[in-house]
């Protein structure tokens, strides 16, 4: 299928509205737009960086209490319903890339990666609520920063790589 033919399938919302991804002719399963996924990862990368800076400069503001639930919600909504319509970062990432070429990838590895992202968010929030030493919180935040940077900048999804190793299915490597 030609690129201009695939472009017509790059929409803001999926059809039906809560579908996990897009149906692409010639593909047996649903696909997700990797370009929008990388934009979303970039947004979450900035969020993790700002959170770490605030924790260093103004620890009394305690951003993890606010950022943690947001990230958990965002990751769970993306894992259950895809980038749109319920994932706030997914909506923004999709809107930012509407004029960019869509790169279609399998959805299952992304769902696995986003589930791991929700676990990382739960870990951060739990560490904060249990008042564990900041070094533990910074370690998890640093890992979140690194993973979102790898996805956004290099297009390497560690969760997708893990999914491929564990289940032996398609990877999310860029074409």
C-alpha atoms as a PDB file:
ATOM      1  CA  UNK A   1       0.000   0.000   0.000  1.00  0.00           C
ATOM      2  CA  UNK A   2       1.370   3.425  -0.947  1.00  0.00           C
ATOM      3  CA  UNK A   3       2.171   6.032   1.714  1.00  0.00           C
ATOM      4  CA  UNK A   4      -0.501   8.439   0.450  1.00  0.00           C
ATOM      5  CA  UNK A   5      -3.079   5.646   0.725  1.00  0.00           C
ATOM      6  CA  UNK A   6      -2.030   4.925   4.316  1.00  0.00           C
ATOM      7  CA  UNK A   7      -2.200   8.623   5.177  1.00  0.00           C
ATOM      8  CA  UNK A   8      -5.989   8.470   5.013  1.00  0.00           C
ATOM      9  CA  UNK A   9      -5.972   6.081   7.986  1.00  0.00           C
ATOM     10  CA  UNK A  10      -4.126   8.568  10.206  1.00  0.00           C
ATOM     11  CA  UNK A  11      -7.029   9.998  12.185  1.00  0.00           C
ATOM     12  CA  UNK A  12      -7.298  11.768  15.507  1.00  0.00           C
ATOM     13  CA  UNK A  13      -9.798   9.325  17.012  1.00  0.00           C
ATOM     14  CA  UNK A  14     -10.041   5.617  16.357  1.00  0.00           C
ATOM     15  CA  UNK A  15     -13.111   4.018  14.824  1.00  0.00           C
ATOM     16  CA  UNK A  16     -14.966   2.747  16.784  1.00  0.00           C
ATOM     17  CA  UNK A  17     -14.182   5.364  19.407  1.00  0.00           C
ATOM     18  CA  UNK A  18     -12.676   3.029  22.042  1.00  0.00           C
ATOM     19  CA  UNK A  19     -10.808   0.760  19.628  1.00  0.00           C
ATOM     20  CA  UNK A  20      -7.283  -0.019  20.755  1.00  0.00           C
ATOM     21  CA  UNK A  21      -5.797   1.090  17.441  1.00  0.00           C
ATOM     22  CA  UNK A  22      -6.456   1.533  13.733  1.00  0.00           C
ATOM     23  CA  UNK A  23      -7.456  -1.149  11.264  1.00  0.00           C
ATOM     24  CA  UNK A  24      -4.995  -1.041   8.390  1.00  0.00           C
ATOM     25  CA  UNK A  25      -5.807  -2.873   5.138  1.00  0.00           C
ATOM     26  CA  UNK A  26      -3.516  -5.856   4.704  1.00  0.00           C
ATOM     27  CA  UNK A  27      -2.833  -6.183   8.437  1.00  0.00           C
ATOM     28  CA  UNK A  28      -4.589  -8.819  10.515  1.00  0.00           C
ATOM     29  CA  UNK A  29      -4.439  -6.948  13.812  1.00  0.00           C
ATOM     30  CA  UNK A  30      -4.874  -3.376  14.989  1.00  0.00           C
ATOM     31  CA  UNK A  31      -1.971  -0.965  14.577  1.00  0.00           C
ATOM     32  CA  UNK A  32      -0.888   2.145  16.424  1.00  0.00           C
ATOM     33  CA  UNK A  33       0.781   5.264  15.083  1.00  0.00           C
ATOM     34  CA  UNK A  34       4.412   5.122  16.221  1.00  0.00           C
ATOM     35  CA  UNK A  35       4.903   8.820  15.427  1.00  0.00           C
ATOM     36  CA  UNK A  36       2.190   9.819  17.908  1.00  0.00           C
ATOM     37  CA  UNK A  37       3.524   7.301  20.421  1.00  0.00           C
ATOM     38  CA  UNK A  38       6.977   8.872  20.257  1.00  0.00           C
ATOM     39  CA  UNK A  39       5.500  12.361  20.690  1.00  0.00           C
ATOM     40  CA  UNK A  40       3.642  11.127  23.769  1.00  0.00           C
ATOM     41  CA  UNK A  41       6.865   9.637  25.131  1.00  0.00           C
ATOM     42  CA  UNK A  42       8.548  13.013  24.614  1.00  0.00           C
ATOM     43  CA  UNK A  43       5.833  14.738  26.622  1.00  0.00           C
ATOM     44  CA  UNK A  44       6.185  12.202  29.435  1.00  0.00           C
ATOM     45  CA  UNK A  45       9.966  12.625  29.255  1.00  0.00           C
ATOM     46  CA  UNK A  46       9.640  16.360  29.853  1.00  0.00           C
ATOM     47  CA  UNK A  47       7.229  15.652  32.713  1.00  0.00           C
ATOM     48  CA  UNK A  48       9.703  13.287  34.395  1.00  0.00           C
ATOM     49  CA  UNK A  49      12.549  15.791  33.967  1.00  0.00           C
ATOM     50  CA  UNK A  50      10.504  18.656  35.425  1.00  0.00           C
ATOM     51  CA  UNK A  51       9.438  16.433  38.318  1.00  0.00           C
ATOM     52  CA  UNK A  52      13.073  15.613  39.149  1.00  0.00           C
ATOM     53  CA  UNK A  53      14.107  19.276  38.936  1.00  0.00           C
ATOM     54  CA  UNK A  54      11.265  20.359  41.229  1.00  0.00           C
ATOM     55  CA  UNK A  55      12.189  17.617  43.702  1.00  0.00           C
ATOM     56  CA  UNK A  56      15.748  18.942  43.757  1.00  0.00           C
ATOM     57  CA  UNK A  57      14.975  22.671  43.835  1.00  0.00           C
ATOM     58  CA  UNK A  58      11.679  22.788  45.755  1.00  0.00           C
ATOM     59  CA  UNK A  59      11.191  19.435  47.504  1.00  0.00           C
ATOM     60  CA  UNK A  60       8.455  20.919  49.683  1.00  0.00           C
ATOM     61  CA  UNK A  61       6.234  21.180  46.574  1.00  0.00           C
ATOM     62  CA  UNK A  62       6.241  17.358  46.352  1.00  0.00           C
ATOM     63  CA  UNK A  63       5.199  17.006  42.678  1.00  0.00           C
ATOM     64  CA  UNK A  64       5.076  13.198  42.811  1.00  0.00           C
ATOM     65  CA  UNK A  65       1.763  13.368  44.685  1.00  0.00           C
ATOM     66  CA  UNK A  66       0.270  15.073  41.596  1.00  0.00           C
ATOM     67  CA  UNK A  67       2.363  13.657  38.759  1.00  0.00           C
ATOM     68  CA  UNK A  68       2.146  10.036  39.953  1.00  0.00           C
ATOM     69  CA  UNK A  69      -1.649   9.683  39.651  1.00  0.00           C
ATOM     70  CA  UNK A  70      -1.576  11.490  36.290  1.00  0.00           C
ATOM     71  CA  UNK A  71       1.053   9.123  34.868  1.00  0.00           C
ATOM     72  CA  UNK A  72      -0.726   6.065  36.269  1.00  0.00           C
ATOM     73  CA  UNK A  73      -4.043   7.189  34.745  1.00  0.00           C
ATOM     74  CA  UNK A  74      -2.404   8.089  31.425  1.00  0.00           C
ATOM     75  CA  UNK A  75      -0.577   4.759  31.143  1.00  0.00           C
ATOM     76  CA  UNK A  76      -3.597   2.678  32.130  1.00  0.00           C
ATOM     77  CA  UNK A  77      -5.901   4.500  29.706  1.00  0.00           C
ATOM     78  CA  UNK A  78      -3.378   4.065  26.887  1.00  0.00           C
ATOM     79  CA  UNK A  79      -2.911   0.376  27.738  1.00  0.00           C
ATOM     80  CA  UNK A  80      -6.668  -0.238  27.797  1.00  0.00           C
ATOM     81  CA  UNK A  81      -7.976   2.106  25.078  1.00  0.00           C
ATOM     82  CA  UNK A  82      -5.000   3.315  23.022  1.00  0.00           C
ATOM     83  CA  UNK A  83      -3.670   6.838  22.593  1.00  0.00           C
ATOM     84  CA  UNK A  84      -7.102   8.399  22.070  1.00  0.00           C
ATOM     85  CA  UNK A  85      -9.602   9.373  23.457  1.00  0.00           C
ATOM     86  CA  UNK A  86      -8.838   8.792  27.168  1.00  0.00           C
ATOM     87  CA  UNK A  87      -5.047   9.185  27.514  1.00  0.00           C
ATOM     88  CA  UNK A  88      -4.332  12.929  28.003  1.00  0.00           C
ATOM     89  CA  UNK A  89      -0.721  12.652  26.813  1.00  0.00           C
ATOM     90  CA  UNK A  90      -1.864  10.400  23.971  1.00  0.00           C
ATOM     91  CA  UNK A  91      -4.383  13.002  22.839  1.00  0.00           C
ATOM     92  CA  UNK A  92      -1.755  15.726  22.850  1.00  0.00           C
ATOM     93  CA  UNK A  93       0.863  13.521  21.174  1.00  0.00           C
ATOM     94  CA  UNK A  94      -1.637  12.545  18.479  1.00  0.00           C
ATOM     95  CA  UNK A  95      -2.659  16.173  17.924  1.00  0.00           C
ATOM     96  CA  UNK A  96       0.993  17.217  17.640  1.00  0.00           C
ATOM     97  CA  UNK A  97       1.675  14.650  14.915  1.00  0.00           C
ATOM     98  CA  UNK A  98      -1.449  14.935  12.768  1.00  0.00           C
ATOM     99  CA  UNK A  99       0.535  16.472   9.917  1.00  0.00           C
ATOM    100  CA  UNK A 100       3.372  13.949  10.212  1.00  0.00           C
ATOM    101  CA  UNK A 101       3.661  10.658   8.386  1.00  0.00           C
ATOM    102  CA  UNK A 102       2.096   7.810  10.345  1.00  0.00           C
ATOM    103  CA  UNK A 103       4.274   4.763  11.004  1.00  0.00           C
ATOM    104  CA  UNK A 104       2.068   1.800  11.877  1.00  0.00           C
ATOM    105  CA  UNK A 105       3.240  -0.672  14.515  1.00  0.00           C
ATOM    106  CA  UNK A 106       1.581  -3.609  16.278  1.00  0.00           C
ATOM    107  CA  UNK A 107      -0.383  -2.669  19.387  1.00  0.00           C
ATOM    108  CA  UNK A 108       0.360  -5.633  21.685  1.00  0.00           C
ATOM    109  CA  UNK A 109       3.973  -4.680  22.496  1.00  0.00           C
ATOM    110  CA  UNK A 110       2.901  -1.087  23.214  1.00  0.00           C
ATOM    111  CA  UNK A 111       0.143  -2.252  25.564  1.00  0.00           C
ATOM    112  CA  UNK A 112       2.719  -4.314  27.431  1.00  0.00           C
ATOM    113  CA  UNK A 113       5.104  -1.338  27.614  1.00  0.00           C
ATOM    114  CA  UNK A 114       2.372   1.007  28.862  1.00  0.00           C
ATOM    115  CA  UNK A 115       1.364  -1.511  31.525  1.00  0.00           C
ATOM    116  CA  UNK A 116       4.970  -1.495  32.717  1.00  0.00           C
ATOM    117  CA  UNK A 117       4.835   2.320  32.670  1.00  0.00           C
ATOM    118  CA  UNK A 118       1.801   2.232  34.963  1.00  0.00           C
ATOM    119  CA  UNK A 119       3.728  -0.041  37.327  1.00  0.00           C
ATOM    120  CA  UNK A 120       6.610   2.462  37.330  1.00  0.00           C
ATOM    121  CA  UNK A 121       4.156   5.258  38.174  1.00  0.00           C
ATOM    122  CA  UNK A 122       2.655   3.180  40.988  1.00  0.00           C
ATOM    123  CA  UNK A 123       6.166   2.499  42.278  1.00  0.00           C
ATOM    124  CA  UNK A 124       7.043   6.219  42.333  1.00  0.00           C
ATOM    125  CA  UNK A 125       3.835   7.138  44.119  1.00  0.00           C
ATOM    126  CA  UNK A 126       4.224   4.287  46.619  1.00  0.00           C
ATOM    127  CA  UNK A 127       7.814   5.296  47.392  1.00  0.00           C
ATOM    128  CA  UNK A 128       6.639   8.864  48.061  1.00  0.00           C
ATOM    129  CA  UNK A 129       3.652   7.843  50.174  1.00  0.00           C
ATOM    130  CA  UNK A 130       5.784   5.454  52.241  1.00  0.00           C
ATOM    131  CA  UNK A 131       8.333   8.275  52.672  1.00  0.00           C
ATOM    132  CA  UNK A 132      11.171   6.114  51.436  1.00  0.00           C
ATOM    133  CA  UNK A 133      14.583   7.770  51.013  1.00  0.00           C
ATOM    134  CA  UNK A 134      14.682  10.115  48.017  1.00  0.00           C
ATOM    135  CA  UNK A 135      17.427   8.069  46.374  1.00  0.00           C
ATOM    136  CA  UNK A 136      14.854   5.323  45.650  1.00  0.00           C
ATOM    137  CA  UNK A 137      12.419   7.798  44.169  1.00  0.00           C
ATOM    138  CA  UNK A 138      15.125   9.416  42.034  1.00  0.00           C
ATOM    139  CA  UNK A 139      16.245   5.984  40.838  1.00  0.00           C
ATOM    140  CA  UNK A 140      12.758   5.151  39.543  1.00  0.00           C
ATOM    141  CA  UNK A 141      12.269   8.656  38.105  1.00  0.00           C
ATOM    142  CA  UNK A 142      15.663   8.382  36.394  1.00  0.00           C
ATOM    143  CA  UNK A 143      14.652   5.080  34.834  1.00  0.00           C
ATOM    144  CA  UNK A 144      11.365   6.641  33.669  1.00  0.00           C
ATOM    145  CA  UNK A 145      13.312   9.554  32.180  1.00  0.00           C
ATOM    146  CA  UNK A 146      15.731   7.216  30.399  1.00  0.00           C
ATOM    147  CA  UNK A 147      12.982   4.953  29.021  1.00  0.00           C
ATOM    148  CA  UNK A 148      10.859   7.816  27.693  1.00  0.00           C
ATOM    149  CA  UNK A 149      13.965   9.448  26.193  1.00  0.00           C
ATOM    150  CA  UNK A 150      14.897   6.218  24.394  1.00  0.00           C
ATOM    151  CA  UNK A 151      11.380   5.980  22.963  1.00  0.00           C
ATOM    152  CA  UNK A 152      10.992   9.643  22.016  1.00  0.00           C
ATOM    153  CA  UNK A 153      14.458  10.348  20.637  1.00  0.00           C
ATOM    154  CA  UNK A 154      15.769   7.008  19.386  1.00  0.00           C
ATOM    155  CA  UNK A 155      12.480   5.211  18.735  1.00  0.00           C
ATOM    156  CA  UNK A 156      13.585   2.293  20.922  1.00  0.00           C
ATOM    157  CA  UNK A 157      10.778   0.966  23.108  1.00  0.00           C
ATOM    158  CA  UNK A 158      12.313  -1.107  25.909  1.00  0.00           C
ATOM    159  CA  UNK A 159       8.906  -2.516  26.865  1.00  0.00           C
ATOM    160  CA  UNK A 160       8.340  -3.595  23.255  1.00  0.00           C
ATOM    161  CA  UNK A 161      11.781  -5.204  23.187  1.00  0.00           C
ATOM    162  CA  UNK A 162      10.953  -7.059  26.421  1.00  0.00           C
ATOM    163  CA  UNK A 163       7.603  -8.141  24.934  1.00  0.00           C
ATOM    164  CA  UNK A 164       9.366  -9.551  21.881  1.00  0.00           C
ATOM    165  CA  UNK A 165      11.888 -11.430  24.059  1.00  0.00           C
ATOM    166  CA  UNK A 166       9.221 -12.830  26.374  1.00  0.00           C
ATOM    167  CA  UNK A 167       6.497 -13.670  23.865  1.00  0.00           C
ATOM    168  CA  UNK A 168       8.434 -13.960  20.604  1.00  0.00           C
ATOM    169  CA  UNK A 169       6.164 -11.700  18.586  1.00  0.00           C
ATOM    170  CA  UNK A 170       6.623  -8.569  16.484  1.00  0.00           C
ATOM    171  CA  UNK A 171       8.963  -5.850  17.699  1.00  0.00           C
ATOM    172  CA  UNK A 172       8.458  -2.115  17.562  1.00  0.00           C
ATOM    173  CA  UNK A 173      11.663  -1.384  15.661  1.00  0.00           C
ATOM    174  CA  UNK A 174      11.407   1.534  13.251  1.00  0.00           C
ATOM    175  CA  UNK A 175      11.107   0.695   9.572  1.00  0.00           C
END
